[in-house]
N, C-alpha and C. Protein backbone atom coordinates (compact mmCIF):
# COMPACT_ATOMS: atom_id res chain seq x y z
N MET A 1 2.37 -21.10 -25.34
CA MET A 1 1.45 -21.03 -24.23
C MET A 1 0.04 -20.72 -24.72
N PHE A 2 -0.10 -20.08 -25.84
CA PHE A 2 -1.40 -19.70 -26.37
C PHE A 2 -2.25 -20.92 -26.66
N LEU A 3 -1.68 -21.96 -27.26
CA LEU A 3 -2.43 -23.16 -27.58
C LEU A 3 -2.90 -23.87 -26.31
N LEU A 4 -2.04 -23.95 -25.30
CA LEU A 4 -2.43 -24.58 -24.04
C LEU A 4 -3.55 -23.81 -23.36
N ASP A 5 -3.48 -22.49 -23.43
CA ASP A 5 -4.55 -21.68 -22.84
C ASP A 5 -5.87 -21.93 -23.55
N ARG A 6 -5.84 -22.06 -24.86
CA ARG A 6 -7.06 -22.33 -25.61
C ARG A 6 -7.62 -23.72 -25.27
N LEU A 7 -6.74 -24.71 -25.13
CA LEU A 7 -7.20 -26.05 -24.79
C LEU A 7 -7.80 -26.10 -23.38
N LYS A 8 -7.26 -25.29 -22.47
CA LYS A 8 -7.80 -25.23 -21.12
C LYS A 8 -8.99 -24.29 -21.00
N ARG A 9 -9.37 -23.67 -22.11
CA ARG A 9 -10.51 -22.75 -22.19
C ARG A 9 -10.34 -21.53 -21.31
N HIS A 10 -9.12 -20.98 -21.27
CA HIS A 10 -8.89 -19.74 -20.56
C HIS A 10 -9.30 -18.58 -21.44
N GLY A 11 -10.00 -17.64 -20.87
CA GLY A 11 -10.41 -16.47 -21.63
C GLY A 11 -9.89 -15.21 -20.98
N ALA A 12 -9.84 -14.13 -21.72
CA ALA A 12 -9.41 -12.81 -21.24
C ALA A 12 -8.03 -12.89 -20.58
N ILE A 13 -7.05 -13.33 -21.32
CA ILE A 13 -5.71 -13.50 -20.79
C ILE A 13 -4.97 -12.17 -20.84
N ASP A 14 -4.42 -11.76 -19.71
CA ASP A 14 -3.65 -10.53 -19.60
C ASP A 14 -2.30 -10.88 -19.00
N GLU A 15 -1.23 -10.42 -19.61
CA GLU A 15 0.11 -10.76 -19.15
C GLU A 15 0.94 -9.50 -18.94
N VAL A 16 1.59 -9.42 -17.78
CA VAL A 16 2.41 -8.26 -17.42
C VAL A 16 3.77 -8.77 -16.97
N GLN A 17 4.85 -8.17 -17.51
CA GLN A 17 6.20 -8.49 -17.08
C GLN A 17 6.85 -7.24 -16.53
N SER A 18 7.60 -7.40 -15.44
CA SER A 18 8.27 -6.25 -14.85
C SER A 18 9.50 -6.71 -14.08
N ASP A 19 10.35 -5.76 -13.78
CA ASP A 19 11.50 -6.02 -12.93
C ASP A 19 11.10 -5.73 -11.49
N GLY A 20 11.58 -6.54 -10.58
CA GLY A 20 11.23 -6.37 -9.17
C GLY A 20 10.01 -7.19 -8.81
N LEU A 21 9.54 -7.00 -7.58
CA LEU A 21 8.44 -7.79 -7.05
C LEU A 21 7.13 -7.02 -6.97
N SER A 22 7.10 -5.79 -7.46
CA SER A 22 5.90 -4.96 -7.30
C SER A 22 4.70 -5.54 -8.04
N ALA A 23 4.90 -6.10 -9.22
CA ALA A 23 3.78 -6.69 -9.97
C ALA A 23 3.21 -7.90 -9.24
N ALA A 24 4.06 -8.67 -8.60
CA ALA A 24 3.60 -9.85 -7.86
C ALA A 24 2.80 -9.43 -6.63
N ILE A 25 3.25 -8.42 -5.93
CA ILE A 25 2.54 -7.94 -4.75
C ILE A 25 1.18 -7.38 -5.14
N GLY A 26 1.13 -6.64 -6.24
CA GLY A 26 -0.15 -6.10 -6.72
C GLY A 26 -1.12 -7.18 -7.14
N ALA A 27 -0.63 -8.23 -7.77
CA ALA A 27 -1.51 -9.32 -8.20
C ALA A 27 -2.05 -10.10 -7.02
N VAL A 28 -1.23 -10.30 -6.00
CA VAL A 28 -1.69 -11.02 -4.81
C VAL A 28 -2.75 -10.21 -4.09
N LYS A 29 -2.61 -8.88 -4.07
CA LYS A 29 -3.61 -8.03 -3.41
C LYS A 29 -4.96 -8.08 -4.12
N GLN A 30 -4.97 -8.33 -5.42
CA GLN A 30 -6.24 -8.45 -6.15
C GLN A 30 -7.04 -9.66 -5.69
N PHE A 31 -6.36 -10.71 -5.27
CA PHE A 31 -7.01 -11.96 -4.90
C PHE A 31 -6.90 -12.19 -3.40
N ASP A 32 -7.24 -11.18 -2.60
CA ASP A 32 -7.05 -11.29 -1.15
C ASP A 32 -8.04 -12.22 -0.46
N GLN A 33 -9.09 -12.65 -1.14
CA GLN A 33 -10.05 -13.57 -0.54
C GLN A 33 -9.82 -15.02 -0.96
N ARG A 34 -8.73 -15.29 -1.65
CA ARG A 34 -8.46 -16.63 -2.19
C ARG A 34 -7.26 -17.26 -1.50
N THR A 35 -7.09 -18.56 -1.74
CA THR A 35 -5.90 -19.26 -1.28
C THR A 35 -4.99 -19.48 -2.48
N PHE A 36 -3.72 -19.76 -2.21
CA PHE A 36 -2.70 -19.85 -3.25
C PHE A 36 -1.94 -21.15 -3.14
N ARG A 37 -1.33 -21.52 -4.25
CA ARG A 37 -0.42 -22.66 -4.33
C ARG A 37 0.95 -22.10 -4.67
N VAL A 38 1.96 -22.43 -3.87
CA VAL A 38 3.31 -21.90 -4.04
C VAL A 38 4.25 -23.05 -4.35
N ARG A 39 5.00 -22.92 -5.44
CA ARG A 39 5.97 -23.94 -5.84
C ARG A 39 7.31 -23.27 -6.11
N GLY A 40 8.36 -23.87 -5.62
CA GLY A 40 9.71 -23.36 -5.84
C GLY A 40 10.71 -24.37 -5.36
N ARG A 41 11.97 -23.98 -5.35
CA ARG A 41 13.02 -24.87 -4.89
C ARG A 41 12.86 -25.09 -3.38
N GLY A 42 12.50 -26.28 -3.00
CA GLY A 42 12.32 -26.61 -1.59
C GLY A 42 10.98 -26.20 -1.02
N ILE A 43 10.08 -25.65 -1.85
CA ILE A 43 8.77 -25.20 -1.37
C ILE A 43 7.69 -25.85 -2.22
N ARG A 44 6.78 -26.54 -1.56
CA ARG A 44 5.59 -27.09 -2.24
C ARG A 44 4.45 -26.96 -1.25
N ALA A 45 3.71 -25.88 -1.36
CA ALA A 45 2.63 -25.62 -0.41
C ALA A 45 1.34 -25.32 -1.16
N SER A 46 0.24 -25.76 -0.60
CA SER A 46 -1.07 -25.45 -1.17
C SER A 46 -1.97 -24.93 -0.06
N GLN A 47 -3.04 -24.28 -0.44
CA GLN A 47 -3.99 -23.64 0.46
C GLN A 47 -3.31 -22.65 1.39
N VAL A 48 -2.44 -21.83 0.81
CA VAL A 48 -1.73 -20.80 1.56
C VAL A 48 -2.59 -19.54 1.53
N SER A 49 -2.75 -18.92 2.67
CA SER A 49 -3.62 -17.75 2.77
C SER A 49 -2.95 -16.52 2.15
N TYR A 50 -3.77 -15.50 1.90
CA TYR A 50 -3.28 -14.24 1.34
C TYR A 50 -2.25 -13.59 2.26
N GLU A 51 -2.49 -13.61 3.56
CA GLU A 51 -1.57 -12.98 4.50
C GLU A 51 -0.20 -13.64 4.47
N GLU A 52 -0.19 -14.97 4.38
CA GLU A 52 1.08 -15.70 4.36
C GLU A 52 1.85 -15.45 3.07
N VAL A 53 1.16 -15.38 1.94
CA VAL A 53 1.83 -15.11 0.66
C VAL A 53 2.39 -13.69 0.63
N SER A 54 1.62 -12.73 1.12
CA SER A 54 2.13 -11.35 1.13
C SER A 54 3.32 -11.21 2.07
N ARG A 55 3.30 -11.89 3.22
CA ARG A 55 4.45 -11.88 4.12
C ARG A 55 5.66 -12.53 3.46
N PHE A 56 5.42 -13.62 2.75
CA PHE A 56 6.48 -14.32 2.03
C PHE A 56 7.14 -13.40 0.99
N LEU A 57 6.33 -12.66 0.25
CA LEU A 57 6.87 -11.75 -0.77
C LEU A 57 7.61 -10.58 -0.14
N ASP A 58 7.16 -10.12 1.01
CA ASP A 58 7.80 -8.97 1.65
C ASP A 58 9.10 -9.33 2.38
N GLU A 59 9.14 -10.48 3.03
CA GLU A 59 10.24 -10.77 3.94
C GLU A 59 11.23 -11.84 3.47
N GLU A 60 10.80 -12.79 2.68
CA GLU A 60 11.63 -13.96 2.41
C GLU A 60 12.54 -13.83 1.19
N PHE A 61 12.39 -12.81 0.39
CA PHE A 61 13.22 -12.68 -0.80
C PHE A 61 14.45 -11.85 -0.48
N PRO A 62 15.66 -12.39 -0.67
CA PRO A 62 16.88 -11.65 -0.35
C PRO A 62 17.07 -10.44 -1.26
N GLY A 63 17.68 -9.41 -0.72
CA GLY A 63 17.86 -8.16 -1.46
C GLY A 63 18.98 -8.21 -2.48
N TYR A 64 19.87 -9.17 -2.40
CA TYR A 64 20.99 -9.22 -3.33
C TYR A 64 20.65 -9.95 -4.63
N TYR A 65 19.42 -10.37 -4.81
CA TYR A 65 18.97 -10.99 -6.05
C TYR A 65 18.36 -9.93 -6.96
N THR A 66 18.41 -10.17 -8.27
CA THR A 66 17.71 -9.37 -9.26
C THR A 66 16.49 -10.17 -9.68
N TYR A 67 15.29 -9.55 -9.58
CA TYR A 67 14.06 -10.29 -9.82
C TYR A 67 13.37 -9.82 -11.09
N THR A 68 12.77 -10.77 -11.79
CA THR A 68 11.89 -10.50 -12.92
C THR A 68 10.58 -11.22 -12.62
N THR A 69 9.47 -10.50 -12.76
CA THR A 69 8.16 -11.03 -12.43
C THR A 69 7.28 -11.06 -13.67
N LYS A 70 6.59 -12.17 -13.87
CA LYS A 70 5.62 -12.29 -14.96
C LYS A 70 4.29 -12.69 -14.33
N VAL A 71 3.28 -11.84 -14.52
CA VAL A 71 1.96 -12.08 -13.95
C VAL A 71 0.99 -12.31 -15.09
N GLN A 72 0.32 -13.44 -15.05
CA GLN A 72 -0.67 -13.78 -16.06
C GLN A 72 -2.01 -13.94 -15.35
N THR A 73 -3.00 -13.11 -15.72
CA THR A 73 -4.33 -13.22 -15.17
C THR A 73 -5.28 -13.69 -16.26
N TYR A 74 -6.20 -14.55 -15.91
CA TYR A 74 -7.12 -15.10 -16.89
C TYR A 74 -8.40 -15.54 -16.19
N GLU A 75 -9.39 -15.87 -16.98
CA GLU A 75 -10.64 -16.44 -16.48
C GLU A 75 -10.75 -17.87 -16.99
N ASP A 76 -11.17 -18.78 -16.11
CA ASP A 76 -11.33 -20.16 -16.56
C ASP A 76 -12.68 -20.32 -17.27
N ARG A 77 -13.03 -21.54 -17.60
CA ARG A 77 -14.24 -21.76 -18.38
C ARG A 77 -15.52 -21.47 -17.60
N HIS A 78 -15.40 -21.31 -16.27
CA HIS A 78 -16.56 -20.95 -15.45
C HIS A 78 -16.56 -19.45 -15.12
N ASN A 79 -15.73 -18.68 -15.82
CA ASN A 79 -15.59 -17.23 -15.64
C ASN A 79 -15.14 -16.84 -14.24
N VAL A 80 -14.29 -17.66 -13.64
CA VAL A 80 -13.69 -17.36 -12.34
C VAL A 80 -12.28 -16.83 -12.60
N PRO A 81 -11.94 -15.65 -12.09
CA PRO A 81 -10.61 -15.09 -12.34
C PRO A 81 -9.52 -15.85 -11.58
N HIS A 82 -8.38 -16.03 -12.24
CA HIS A 82 -7.22 -16.70 -11.67
C HIS A 82 -5.97 -15.91 -12.01
N ALA A 83 -4.88 -16.21 -11.32
CA ALA A 83 -3.60 -15.58 -11.61
C ALA A 83 -2.48 -16.60 -11.49
N ARG A 84 -1.47 -16.43 -12.32
CA ARG A 84 -0.25 -17.22 -12.24
C ARG A 84 0.90 -16.23 -12.19
N ILE A 85 1.72 -16.31 -11.16
CA ILE A 85 2.82 -15.38 -10.93
C ILE A 85 4.11 -16.18 -10.99
N ASP A 86 4.98 -15.86 -11.93
CA ASP A 86 6.29 -16.49 -12.05
C ASP A 86 7.35 -15.47 -11.66
N ILE A 87 8.15 -15.81 -10.64
CA ILE A 87 9.21 -14.94 -10.16
C ILE A 87 10.53 -15.65 -10.40
N LYS A 88 11.43 -14.97 -11.11
CA LYS A 88 12.76 -15.51 -11.35
C LYS A 88 13.77 -14.58 -10.69
N GLY A 89 14.66 -15.17 -9.91
CA GLY A 89 15.67 -14.39 -9.22
C GLY A 89 17.06 -14.84 -9.61
N TRP A 90 17.92 -13.89 -9.96
CA TRP A 90 19.29 -14.17 -10.33
C TRP A 90 20.23 -13.52 -9.34
N SER A 91 21.31 -14.21 -9.05
CA SER A 91 22.33 -13.63 -8.19
C SER A 91 23.57 -13.36 -9.03
N GLY A 92 24.15 -12.22 -8.83
CA GLY A 92 25.38 -11.88 -9.55
C GLY A 92 25.16 -11.60 -11.01
N LEU A 93 26.07 -12.10 -11.84
CA LEU A 93 26.07 -11.81 -13.27
C LEU A 93 25.42 -12.90 -14.11
N SER A 94 24.82 -13.90 -13.50
CA SER A 94 24.33 -15.04 -14.28
C SER A 94 23.24 -14.65 -15.28
N GLN A 95 22.45 -13.62 -15.00
CA GLN A 95 21.42 -13.21 -15.95
C GLN A 95 22.04 -12.59 -17.19
N ARG A 96 22.99 -11.70 -17.01
CA ARG A 96 23.61 -11.03 -18.16
C ARG A 96 24.48 -11.97 -18.98
N MET A 97 25.08 -12.95 -18.33
CA MET A 97 25.95 -13.88 -19.03
C MET A 97 25.17 -15.07 -19.59
N ASN A 98 23.89 -15.17 -19.24
CA ASN A 98 23.02 -16.26 -19.69
C ASN A 98 23.62 -17.62 -19.35
N ARG A 99 24.04 -17.74 -18.11
CA ARG A 99 24.64 -18.98 -17.63
C ARG A 99 23.82 -19.53 -16.47
N TYR A 100 23.89 -20.83 -16.31
CA TYR A 100 23.21 -21.48 -15.20
C TYR A 100 23.97 -21.24 -13.91
N ASN A 101 23.24 -20.92 -12.87
CA ASN A 101 23.81 -20.75 -11.54
C ASN A 101 22.92 -21.52 -10.58
N PRO A 102 23.47 -22.42 -9.78
CA PRO A 102 22.62 -23.22 -8.89
C PRO A 102 21.92 -22.39 -7.81
N PHE A 103 22.34 -21.15 -7.60
CA PHE A 103 21.71 -20.30 -6.59
C PHE A 103 20.56 -19.48 -7.16
N ASP A 104 20.35 -19.51 -8.46
CA ASP A 104 19.20 -18.82 -9.05
C ASP A 104 17.92 -19.52 -8.60
N MET A 105 16.84 -18.75 -8.53
CA MET A 105 15.58 -19.33 -8.05
C MET A 105 14.43 -19.01 -9.00
N THR A 106 13.49 -19.91 -9.04
CA THR A 106 12.24 -19.72 -9.78
C THR A 106 11.10 -20.14 -8.86
N ILE A 107 10.15 -19.25 -8.67
CA ILE A 107 9.01 -19.52 -7.79
C ILE A 107 7.73 -19.23 -8.56
N THR A 108 6.76 -20.13 -8.46
CA THR A 108 5.47 -19.96 -9.12
C THR A 108 4.38 -19.90 -8.05
N ILE A 109 3.55 -18.87 -8.14
CA ILE A 109 2.42 -18.70 -7.23
C ILE A 109 1.17 -18.69 -8.08
N ARG A 110 0.23 -19.58 -7.75
CA ARG A 110 -1.03 -19.67 -8.52
C ARG A 110 -2.21 -19.58 -7.55
N THR A 111 -3.29 -19.01 -8.03
CA THR A 111 -4.51 -19.01 -7.23
C THR A 111 -5.16 -20.38 -7.32
N GLU A 112 -5.83 -20.75 -6.25
CA GLU A 112 -6.58 -22.00 -6.25
C GLU A 112 -8.04 -21.69 -6.50
N PRO A 113 -8.80 -22.65 -6.98
CA PRO A 113 -10.23 -22.39 -7.19
C PRO A 113 -10.90 -22.01 -5.86
N PRO A 114 -11.88 -21.12 -5.91
CA PRO A 114 -12.56 -20.75 -4.67
C PRO A 114 -13.32 -21.94 -4.11
N ALA A 115 -13.49 -21.92 -2.78
CA ALA A 115 -14.21 -23.00 -2.12
C ALA A 115 -15.67 -22.98 -2.56
N SER A 116 -16.22 -24.16 -2.77
CA SER A 116 -17.62 -24.24 -3.19
C SER A 116 -18.53 -23.86 -2.03
N LYS A 117 -19.62 -23.24 -2.34
CA LYS A 117 -20.56 -22.77 -1.32
C LYS A 117 -21.68 -23.79 -1.17
N GLU A 118 -21.50 -24.70 -0.23
CA GLU A 118 -22.50 -25.73 0.00
C GLU A 118 -23.12 -25.56 1.37
């Protein structure tokens, strides 16, 4: 990922990994004036508001999953801060056994560029 970040001219890259959804909720709160792009199994949405993403993180994730969150914050070549949030959810023992389970989920939330001021 380091080479791709350099080619895209990302600077000041900070990466945090944690268990649970607390890191994702904190990262979304940092960018409360921006819109987001959400990708996952059965979900492809863009220009999603901060309120909708925070509601999604609070209400839509089932409690019987085990979650791992990876938050990557960086600045693009125009020094605009961005975030990429990867959430992986496992059900049952599939994480410990390192086996594929069709009920496991992966969701990516990214900030979109701010609207131009014209």
